[in-house]
């Protein structure tokens, strides 16, 4: 695949206005005439000079901060960070607002359209291009270049963020790196004498073997509802191992091998998965896995804490990378999550100060250790917990293994996420219900991707 050069429009112009202090006026009063001579008088007592007036207290800058993935695990960590930041100084006060992930994109869209965005907000990397092309975000390059902590950030994470901006600027500071992960009931594998699957054939065999409908046990749970299309896209190209667009910028998603895989995967529905999966989002599939209904779950590193909370022992579950592709190598999807500063903020310096607090070694380490994702502050990589957590070490080994390729998910296309949620998720449900064939769905997906790429080349790269 020819690499799409991400060039194009100019970076946003940041105009910072600083108020000038008022000048003091001169004294034009006429000097009094010299007094006439008088008899000498005792010298008056010296009056001490008045103490200088204390400086007027600086007005507190109030910042609004939106957490785009509020849940029982993440919200308390961020609320504690906000509390500690507010207590650490008296110039800035951050106000926290938690928004469930399913509602966050709509909230942001309304805020951007109405010009009432927060100062700082959490961001999923696949939303980034859409926000950039609406001029909603502040470029952070100048802040980053002047930040003393810049050398601690993992270069690959900054490069990834730059690659998804048409102008190559930094519009998001990444706090975590995530990758698609398959979670498996290790104790159920042991009961049936099965090993961890390394190929897709072995993966399907595990699902079929671990299904026991009489015991209400299913081998898998499918995310058929919100977020399901994006998750399946990553799984499909982990199997494919091929470029997402060919040398002519045409989508490869409807190639015959992908159609066959899609048919095989969605044919699991109902027989080897719960029937409620057809509308299941993250909450529902996590519950299926955590309650002992399903043996396998496709999600990412970030669900680690959910499994810790749900199971009595770490030995009951295990993480594995997606199996090797049809060509024998691993093709893995990685993404970043982080925070952005909106272009409409009147307080960019203060917003950046809060971001650097979040990115400190202490906070980046605590955040990622708790939610179970890879840190972006390189200092954290030397902490003991990074090498002690099974799901972190196995994914780092898979990412570093010879032959592993990185899936170039086209999140630089502004319509990529919308196509998945608006057009493909309903089609996916039709496939699961037997009302649409896999070929028809993938042909539709290819058509939308081709149109989105053509629009991007015409109106972004060539404008």
Protein backbone atom coordinates (compact mmCIF):
# COMPACT_ATOMS: atom_id res chain seq x y z
CA UNK A 1 0.00 0.00 0.00
CA UNK A 2 1.29 3.42 -0.86
CA UNK A 3 1.50 5.50 2.23
CA UNK A 4 -0.87 8.45 2.17
CA UNK A 5 1.17 11.55 2.80
CA UNK A 6 -0.65 13.60 5.34
CA UNK A 7 -0.04 17.12 4.15
CA UNK A 8 -2.48 19.92 3.57
CA UNK A 9 -4.01 22.76 5.37
CA UNK A 10 -2.21 25.24 7.58
CA UNK A 11 -2.19 24.85 11.35
CA UNK A 12 -4.70 26.84 13.35
CA UNK A 13 -3.62 30.38 14.29
CA UNK A 14 -3.42 30.93 18.02
CA UNK A 15 -3.86 34.61 19.00
CA UNK A 16 -3.09 35.16 22.65
CA UNK A 17 -3.98 38.60 24.02
CA UNK A 18 -2.31 39.78 27.20
CA UNK A 19 -3.77 42.68 29.15
CA UNK A 20 -1.38 45.53 29.85
CA UNK A 21 -1.16 46.97 33.30
CA UNK A 22 -2.45 50.51 33.75
CA UNK A 23 0.17 53.28 33.78
CA UNK A 24 0.49 55.55 36.79
CA UNK A 25 -0.23 59.25 36.27
CA UNK A 26 2.28 62.11 36.95
CA UNK A 27 1.98 64.73 39.71
CA UNK A 28 1.46 68.29 38.40
CA UNK A 29 0.62 70.00 41.72
CA UNK A 30 2.27 73.41 42.24
CA UNK A 31 5.04 73.42 44.84
CA UNK A 32 4.27 75.65 47.85
CA UNK A 33 6.38 78.81 48.51
CA UNK A 34 9.30 78.53 50.90
CA UNK A 35 8.19 79.28 54.47
CA UNK A 36 9.41 82.38 56.32
CA UNK A 37 12.02 81.95 59.00
CA UNK A 38 10.73 81.02 62.45
CA UNK A 39 12.39 80.25 65.73
CA UNK A 40 13.88 76.79 65.94
CA UNK A 41 11.42 74.13 67.02
CA UNK A 42 12.10 70.66 68.40
CA UNK A 43 12.29 68.09 65.64
CA UNK A 44 9.02 66.18 65.27
CA UNK A 45 8.99 62.45 65.97
CA UNK A 46 9.81 60.39 62.90
CA UNK A 47 6.75 58.68 61.41
CA UNK A 48 7.60 55.21 60.08
CA UNK A 49 7.02 54.71 56.38
CA UNK A 50 3.82 52.79 55.70
CA UNK A 51 4.14 49.11 54.83
CA UNK A 52 3.64 48.50 51.10
CA UNK A 53 0.17 47.28 50.30
CA UNK A 54 0.01 43.54 49.58
CA UNK A 55 -0.53 42.72 45.93
CA UNK A 56 -4.13 42.21 44.93
CA UNK A 57 -4.96 38.50 44.87
CA UNK A 58 -4.83 37.07 41.37
CA UNK A 59 -8.18 36.06 39.95
CA UNK A 60 -8.58 32.29 39.97
CA UNK A 61 -8.72 30.79 36.49
CA UNK A 62 -11.49 28.21 36.25
CA UNK A 63 -11.06 25.41 33.70
CA UNK A 64 -13.72 22.98 32.56
CA UNK A 65 -12.54 19.40 32.05
CA UNK A 66 -14.62 16.65 30.42
CA UNK A 67 -13.85 12.97 31.00
CA UNK A 68 -15.19 11.28 27.86
CA UNK A 69 -15.20 7.76 29.37
CA UNK A 70 -16.73 8.10 32.81
CA UNK A 71 -17.16 4.77 34.56
CA UNK A 72 -16.66 3.34 38.06
CA UNK A 73 -12.98 2.56 37.36
CA UNK A 74 -11.77 5.66 35.53
CA UNK A 75 -13.83 8.43 37.11
CA UNK A 76 -12.46 8.14 40.65
CA UNK A 77 -8.86 8.27 39.38
CA UNK A 78 -9.44 11.44 37.37
CA UNK A 79 -11.48 13.05 40.12
CA UNK A 80 -8.60 12.42 42.52
CA UNK A 81 -6.12 13.95 40.05
CA UNK A 82 -8.32 17.02 39.72
CA UNK A 83 -8.60 17.31 43.50
CA UNK A 84 -4.84 17.06 44.01
CA UNK A 85 -4.14 19.55 41.23
CA UNK A 86 -6.59 22.05 42.71
CA UNK A 87 -5.01 21.66 46.13
CA UNK A 88 -1.46 22.09 44.74
CA UNK A 89 -1.78 25.78 43.81
CA UNK A 90 -4.15 28.71 44.11
CA UNK A 91 -4.17 30.12 40.55
CA UNK A 92 -6.20 27.49 38.71
CA UNK A 93 -9.32 25.57 39.61
CA UNK A 94 -10.38 22.63 37.41
CA UNK A 95 -14.04 21.62 37.28
CA UNK A 96 -14.61 17.95 36.42
CA UNK A 97 -17.51 16.63 34.34
CA UNK A 98 -17.88 12.91 33.65
CA UNK A 99 -19.63 11.75 30.47
CA UNK A 100 -20.35 8.09 29.59
CA UNK A 101 -18.42 7.02 26.51
CA UNK A 102 -21.59 6.21 24.55
CA UNK A 103 -22.74 9.84 24.89
CA UNK A 104 -19.41 11.65 24.61
CA UNK A 105 -19.17 12.10 20.83
CA UNK A 106 -22.68 13.57 20.65
CA UNK A 107 -21.91 15.93 23.55
CA UNK A 108 -18.74 17.11 21.83
CA UNK A 109 -20.51 17.61 18.50
CA UNK A 110 -23.19 19.75 20.11
CA UNK A 111 -20.58 21.75 22.05
CA UNK A 112 -18.48 22.37 18.92
CA UNK A 113 -21.51 23.40 16.87
CA UNK A 114 -22.66 25.77 19.60
CA UNK A 115 -19.23 27.20 20.38
CA UNK A 116 -19.46 26.12 24.03
CA UNK A 117 -16.67 23.57 24.26
CA UNK A 118 -14.84 22.83 27.50
CA UNK A 119 -11.26 23.97 27.98
CA UNK A 120 -9.91 20.40 28.10
CA UNK A 121 -11.46 17.10 27.10
CA UNK A 122 -10.67 13.42 26.88
CA UNK A 123 -10.29 12.00 23.39
CA UNK A 124 -10.44 8.67 21.61
CA UNK A 125 -7.85 8.81 18.81
CA UNK A 126 -10.36 7.81 16.11
CA UNK A 127 -12.27 11.06 16.77
CA UNK A 128 -9.23 13.24 16.22
CA UNK A 129 -9.44 13.96 12.49
CA UNK A 130 -13.07 15.07 12.68
CA UNK A 131 -12.27 17.59 15.40
CA UNK A 132 -9.18 18.90 13.61
CA UNK A 133 -11.01 19.54 10.34
CA UNK A 134 -13.63 21.57 12.20
CA UNK A 135 -10.88 23.77 13.66
CA UNK A 136 -12.06 22.77 17.13
CA UNK A 137 -8.66 21.97 18.68
CA UNK A 138 -5.62 23.98 19.69
CA UNK A 139 -2.29 22.86 18.17
CA UNK A 140 0.03 21.97 21.03
CA UNK A 141 3.40 21.92 19.23
CA UNK A 142 4.73 25.12 20.82
CA UNK A 143 3.73 24.04 24.30
CA UNK A 144 5.23 20.59 23.75
CA UNK A 145 8.51 21.93 22.33
CA UNK A 146 9.00 24.20 25.36
CA UNK A 147 7.98 21.58 27.93
CA UNK A 148 10.80 20.15 30.03
CA UNK A 149 9.02 16.78 30.15
CA UNK A 150 8.87 16.30 26.39
CA UNK A 151 11.87 13.93 26.31
CA UNK A 152 10.09 11.50 28.63
CA UNK A 153 7.19 10.96 26.23
CA UNK A 154 7.55 7.80 24.14
CA UNK A 155 8.41 9.03 20.62
CA UNK A 156 6.14 6.47 18.95
CA UNK A 157 3.08 7.87 20.70
CA UNK A 158 3.79 11.43 19.60
CA UNK A 159 4.51 10.21 16.05
CA UNK A 160 1.18 8.39 16.00
CA UNK A 161 -0.72 11.50 17.03
CA UNK A 162 1.08 13.59 14.41
CA UNK A 163 0.35 11.02 11.69
CA UNK A 164 -3.39 11.42 12.18
CA UNK A 165 -3.34 15.19 11.68
CA UNK A 166 -3.28 16.36 8.05
CA UNK A 167 -0.80 19.10 8.93
CA UNK A 168 1.38 16.84 11.12
CA UNK A 169 0.79 18.87 14.27
CA UNK A 170 0.12 17.68 17.81
CA UNK A 171 -3.55 18.12 18.70
CA UNK A 172 -3.72 15.54 21.48
CA UNK A 173 -1.41 14.56 24.32
CA UNK A 174 -1.59 10.76 24.66
CA UNK A 175 -1.81 9.28 28.14
CA UNK A 176 -2.26 5.59 27.25
CA UNK A 177 -1.56 3.18 24.42
CA UNK A 178 -4.14 0.51 23.81
CA UNK A 179 -4.30 -2.55 21.60
CA UNK A 180 -7.02 -5.04 20.76
CA UNK A 181 -6.83 -8.00 23.12
CA UNK A 182 -8.66 -11.30 23.49
CA UNK A 183 -9.56 -12.18 27.07
CA UNK A 184 -10.02 -15.89 27.79
CA UNK A 185 -11.25 -17.90 30.77
CA UNK A 186 -7.99 -19.68 31.58
CA UNK A 187 -9.68 -22.00 34.09
CA UNK A 188 -12.15 -23.20 31.45
CA UNK A 189 -9.30 -23.93 29.04
CA UNK A 190 -7.61 -26.00 31.71
CA UNK A 191 -10.82 -27.92 32.42
CA UNK A 192 -10.99 -28.97 28.76
CA UNK A 193 -7.25 -29.51 28.26
CA UNK A 194 -7.00 -26.70 25.71
CA UNK A 195 -4.06 -24.41 25.09
CA UNK A 196 -4.14 -20.72 24.23
CA UNK A 197 -5.19 -20.24 20.59
CA UNK A 198 -2.50 -18.93 18.25
CA UNK A 199 -4.39 -19.26 14.95
CA UNK A 200 -7.92 -18.28 14.01
CA UNK A 201 -8.85 -21.93 13.45
CA UNK A 202 -7.74 -22.63 17.04
CA UNK A 203 -9.70 -19.60 18.22
CA UNK A 204 -12.93 -20.88 16.64
CA UNK A 205 -12.22 -24.38 18.00
CA UNK A 206 -11.91 -22.98 21.55
CA UNK A 207 -15.23 -21.15 21.17
CA UNK A 208 -17.04 -24.24 19.96
CA UNK A 209 -15.48 -26.55 22.56
CA UNK A 210 -16.18 -24.30 25.54
CA UNK A 211 -19.86 -23.81 24.65
CA UNK A 212 -22.27 -25.73 26.87
CA UNK A 213 -25.77 -24.39 26.30
CA UNK A 214 -27.27 -26.68 28.94
CA UNK A 215 -25.07 -24.92 31.50
CA UNK A 216 -25.71 -21.50 29.89
CA UNK A 217 -22.04 -21.33 28.95
CA UNK A 218 -21.07 -19.83 25.63
CA UNK A 219 -17.67 -19.86 23.97
CA UNK A 220 -17.82 -16.21 22.93
CA UNK A 221 -19.70 -12.93 23.18
CA UNK A 222 -20.11 -10.65 20.14
CA UNK A 223 -20.31 -6.87 20.44
CA UNK A 224 -23.26 -6.40 18.11
CA UNK A 225 -24.27 -2.97 19.41
CA UNK A 226 -22.44 0.29 20.10
CA UNK A 227 -18.75 0.11 19.20
CA UNK A 228 -19.12 -3.29 17.57
CA UNK A 229 -18.22 -2.31 14.01
CA UNK A 230 -14.92 -0.69 15.01
CA UNK A 231 -14.00 -3.74 17.11
CA UNK A 232 -14.86 -6.11 14.26
CA UNK A 233 -12.86 -4.01 11.76
CA UNK A 234 -9.72 -4.52 13.86
CA UNK A 235 -10.41 -8.23 14.25
CA UNK A 236 -11.01 -8.63 10.51
CA UNK A 237 -7.70 -7.03 9.56
CA UNK A 238 -5.87 -9.00 12.25
CA UNK A 239 -7.05 -12.03 10.29
CA UNK A 240 -6.41 -10.46 6.88
CA UNK A 241 -2.92 -9.14 7.58
CA UNK A 242 -3.20 -7.01 4.46
CA UNK A 243 -3.25 -3.25 3.85
CA UNK A 244 -6.60 -1.56 4.37
CA UNK A 245 -6.24 0.36 1.11
CA UNK A 246 -4.40 -0.84 -1.98
CA UNK A 247 -1.92 1.14 -4.08
CA UNK A 248 -4.85 2.89 -5.80
CA UNK A 249 -6.42 3.95 -2.50
CA UNK A 250 -9.23 1.41 -2.89
CA UNK A 251 -10.52 -0.47 0.14
CA UNK A 252 -9.61 -4.14 0.49
CA UNK A 253 -12.27 -4.95 3.07
CA UNK A 254 -14.49 -6.93 0.70
CA UNK A 255 -11.83 -9.31 -0.58
CA UNK A 256 -12.98 -12.95 -0.68
CA UNK A 257 -10.95 -14.12 2.34
CA UNK A 258 -12.45 -11.31 4.43
CA UNK A 259 -15.96 -12.27 3.32
CA UNK A 260 -15.34 -15.88 4.37
CA UNK A 261 -14.01 -14.81 7.77
CA UNK A 262 -16.99 -12.49 8.31
CA UNK A 263 -19.44 -15.30 7.53
CA UNK A 264 -17.65 -17.68 9.88
CA UNK A 265 -17.52 -15.16 12.72
CA UNK A 266 -21.13 -14.01 12.63
CA UNK A 267 -22.35 -17.57 12.17
CA UNK A 268 -21.27 -18.04 15.81
CA UNK A 269 -24.17 -15.83 16.88
CA UNK A 270 -26.95 -17.63 18.73
CA UNK A 271 -25.35 -21.08 18.80
CA UNK A 272 -22.06 -20.18 20.48
CA UNK A 273 -22.95 -16.73 21.85
CA UNK A 274 -25.85 -15.31 23.85
CA UNK A 275 -28.79 -14.22 21.66
CA UNK A 276 -28.78 -10.82 23.37
CA UNK A 277 -25.42 -10.11 21.73
CA UNK A 278 -27.17 -8.64 18.70
CA UNK A 279 -27.53 -5.32 20.55
CA UNK A 280 -24.75 -5.76 23.11
CA UNK A 281 -22.34 -2.91 23.78
CA UNK A 282 -19.29 -2.90 26.02
CA UNK A 283 -21.26 -3.09 29.27
CA UNK A 284 -23.16 -6.17 28.17
CA UNK A 285 -20.24 -8.17 26.77
CA UNK A 286 -18.15 -7.33 29.84
CA UNK A 287 -20.97 -8.64 32.02
CA UNK A 288 -21.17 -11.84 29.96
CA UNK A 289 -17.50 -12.52 30.52
CA UNK A 290 -17.44 -11.41 34.15
CA UNK A 291 -20.54 -13.42 35.14
CA UNK A 292 -19.27 -16.68 33.65
CA UNK A 293 -21.63 -16.67 30.65
CA UNK A 294 -18.96 -16.38 27.94
CA UNK A 295 -15.49 -17.91 27.69
CA UNK A 296 -13.87 -15.35 25.39
CA UNK A 297 -14.16 -11.61 24.93
CA UNK A 298 -12.60 -9.34 22.31
CA UNK A 299 -11.86 -5.91 23.76
CA UNK A 300 -8.57 -4.25 24.67
CA UNK A 301 -6.09 -3.86 27.51
CA UNK A 302 -8.35 -1.34 29.24
CA UNK A 303 -10.82 -3.92 30.51
CA UNK A 304 -8.22 -5.45 32.83
CA UNK A 305 -9.57 -3.82 35.99
CA UNK A 306 -13.09 -5.04 35.20
CA UNK A 307 -11.81 -8.61 35.19
CA UNK A 308 -9.86 -8.09 38.42
CA UNK A 309 -13.07 -6.87 40.05
CA UNK A 310 -15.18 -9.73 38.67
CA UNK A 311 -12.99 -12.75 39.38
CA UNK A 312 -11.73 -14.23 42.62
CA UNK A 313 -8.32 -15.10 41.23
CA UNK A 314 -5.94 -13.78 38.58
CA UNK A 315 -5.58 -17.40 37.43
CA UNK A 316 -9.16 -17.43 36.15
CA UNK A 317 -8.53 -15.17 33.15
CA UNK A 318 -5.71 -14.48 30.73
CA UNK A 319 -5.01 -12.05 27.90
CA UNK A 320 -3.74 -13.07 24.48
CA UNK A 321 -3.01 -11.08 21.33
CA UNK A 322 -5.25 -11.66 18.31
CA UNK A 323 -4.14 -14.81 16.45
CA UNK A 324 -1.72 -14.64 13.55
CA UNK A 325 -3.08 -13.54 10.20
CA UNK A 326 -3.86 -15.77 7.22
CA UNK A 327 -0.30 -15.00 6.08
CA UNK A 328 1.30 -16.19 9.33
CA UNK A 329 2.26 -12.89 10.99
CA UNK A 330 0.52 -10.76 13.60
CA UNK A 331 -1.15 -7.58 12.39
CA UNK A 332 -2.04 -5.61 15.51
CA UNK A 333 -4.16 -2.54 16.02
CA UNK A 334 -2.85 0.06 18.44
CA UNK A 335 -4.37 3.40 19.37
CA UNK A 336 -3.89 6.19 21.85
CA UNK A 337 -6.23 7.87 24.24
CA UNK A 338 -5.45 11.23 25.75
CA UNK A 339 -6.53 14.81 26.15
CA UNK A 340 -7.01 17.83 23.94
CA UNK A 341 -7.27 21.57 24.52
CA UNK A 342 -10.10 23.21 22.63
CA UNK A 343 -9.34 26.19 20.40
CA UNK A 344 -11.97 28.29 22.15
CA UNK A 345 -10.32 28.25 25.56
CA UNK A 346 -9.36 31.68 26.90
CA UNK A 347 -6.76 30.03 29.14
CA UNK A 348 -4.42 27.87 27.00
CA UNK A 349 -1.38 28.17 29.29
CA UNK A 350 -3.35 27.09 32.35
CA UNK A 351 -4.95 24.23 30.42
CA UNK A 352 -1.49 23.04 29.34
CA UNK A 353 -0.30 23.19 32.95
CA UNK A 354 -3.08 20.81 33.93
CA UNK A 355 -2.22 18.45 31.06
CA UNK A 356 1.42 18.25 32.15
CA UNK A 357 0.22 17.38 35.66
CA UNK A 358 -1.76 14.45 34.22
CA UNK A 359 1.28 13.35 32.19
CA UNK A 360 3.71 13.33 35.13
CA UNK A 361 5.34 10.03 36.04
CA UNK A 362 3.27 9.66 39.21
CA UNK A 363 -0.08 10.28 37.55
CA UNK A 364 0.62 8.51 34.25
CA UNK A 365 1.86 5.49 36.17
CA UNK A 366 -1.07 5.32 38.58
CA UNK A 367 -3.60 5.84 35.78
CA UNK A 368 -2.25 3.09 33.54
CA UNK A 369 -1.53 0.64 36.33
CA UNK A 370 -5.14 0.92 37.48
CA UNK A 371 -6.86 0.69 34.09
CA UNK A 372 -4.28 -1.77 32.75
CA UNK A 373 -2.98 0.04 29.67
CA UNK A 374 0.47 0.94 28.37
CA UNK A 375 1.88 4.23 29.70
CA UNK A 376 3.15 7.03 27.46
CA UNK A 377 5.63 8.51 29.94
CA UNK A 378 8.85 6.59 29.41
CA UNK A 379 9.82 6.92 33.08
CA UNK A 380 6.89 4.68 33.97
CA UNK A 381 8.16 1.85 31.79
CA UNK A 382 10.85 1.11 34.40
CA UNK A 383 8.35 0.64 37.23
CA UNK A 384 7.93 -2.90 38.53
CA UNK A 385 4.22 -3.24 37.78
CA UNK A 386 4.81 -2.96 34.02
CA UNK A 387 6.71 -6.27 33.97
CA UNK A 388 4.49 -7.96 36.55
CA UNK A 389 1.12 -7.75 34.77
CA UNK A 390 0.53 -10.68 32.41
CA UNK A 391 -1.61 -8.79 29.90
CA UNK A 392 0.94 -5.97 29.61
CA UNK A 393 3.95 -8.24 29.12
CA UNK A 394 2.30 -10.53 26.57
CA UNK A 395 1.11 -7.62 24.44
CA UNK A 396 4.48 -5.87 24.61
CA UNK A 397 6.14 -9.11 23.48
CA UNK A 398 3.66 -9.47 20.61
CA UNK A 399 4.18 -5.88 19.49
CA UNK A 400 7.97 -6.28 19.58
CA UNK A 401 8.08 -9.71 17.92
CA UNK A 402 9.81 -10.04 14.53
CA UNK A 403 7.29 -9.91 11.72
CA UNK A 404 4.57 -8.11 13.67
CA UNK A 405 2.99 -5.33 11.64
CA UNK A 406 0.99 -2.35 12.83
CA UNK A 407 -2.49 -2.00 11.45
CA UNK A 408 -2.80 1.37 9.72
CA UNK A 409 -6.40 2.06 10.73
CA UNK A 410 -7.56 5.06 8.64
CA UNK A 411 -8.73 7.20 11.53
CA UNK A 412 -7.35 10.18 9.63
CA UNK A 413 -10.55 9.93 7.55
CA UNK A 414 -13.06 12.28 9.22
CA UNK A 415 -15.96 9.94 8.38
CA UNK A 416 -14.31 6.70 9.47
CA UNK A 417 -15.89 6.49 12.93
CA UNK A 418 -19.26 7.76 11.70
CA UNK A 419 -19.41 5.16 8.91
CA UNK A 420 -18.80 2.40 11.45
CA UNK A 421 -21.44 3.54 13.94
CA UNK A 422 -24.10 4.97 11.62
CA UNK A 423 -23.95 2.60 8.65
CA UNK A 424 -22.15 -0.61 9.54
CA UNK A 425 -23.43 -1.41 13.02
CA UNK A 426 -27.06 -1.67 11.80
CA UNK A 427 -25.85 -3.78 8.86
CA UNK A 428 -23.90 -6.01 11.24
CA UNK A 429 -27.07 -6.67 13.20
CA UNK A 430 -28.83 -7.60 9.96
CA UNK A 431 -26.07 -10.08 9.18
CA UNK A 432 -26.38 -11.60 12.65
CA UNK A 433 -30.15 -11.87 12.18
CA UNK A 434 -29.74 -13.52 8.77
CA UNK A 435 -31.30 -10.59 6.92
CA UNK A 436 -28.14 -9.56 5.04
CA UNK A 437 -25.17 -11.47 3.70
CA UNK A 438 -21.55 -10.85 4.66
CA UNK A 439 -20.69 -9.96 1.06
CA UNK A 440 -23.37 -7.26 0.93
CA UNK A 441 -22.24 -5.72 4.20
CA UNK A 442 -18.56 -5.65 3.21
CA UNK A 443 -19.38 -4.25 -0.23
CA UNK A 444 -21.29 -1.46 1.49
CA UNK A 445 -18.37 -0.83 3.87
CA UNK A 446 -15.91 -0.74 0.97
CA UNK A 447 -18.05 1.77 -0.90
CA UNK A 448 -18.22 4.11 2.09
CA UNK A 449 -14.48 3.84 2.72
CA UNK A 450 -13.66 4.51 -0.93
CA UNK A 451 -15.88 7.61 -0.91
CA UNK A 452 -14.32 8.84 2.34
CA UNK A 453 -10.80 8.36 0.98
CA UNK A 454 -11.63 10.18 -2.25
CA UNK A 455 -13.09 13.09 -0.28
CA UNK A 456 -10.03 13.19 1.93
CA UNK A 457 -7.60 13.24 -0.98
CA UNK A 458 -9.58 15.92 -2.80
CA UNK A 459 -10.53 18.25 0.00
CA UNK A 460 -7.75 17.76 2.53
CA UNK A 461 -4.55 16.59 0.88
CA UNK A 462 -5.03 18.61 -2.29
CA UNK A 463 -6.64 21.72 -0.94
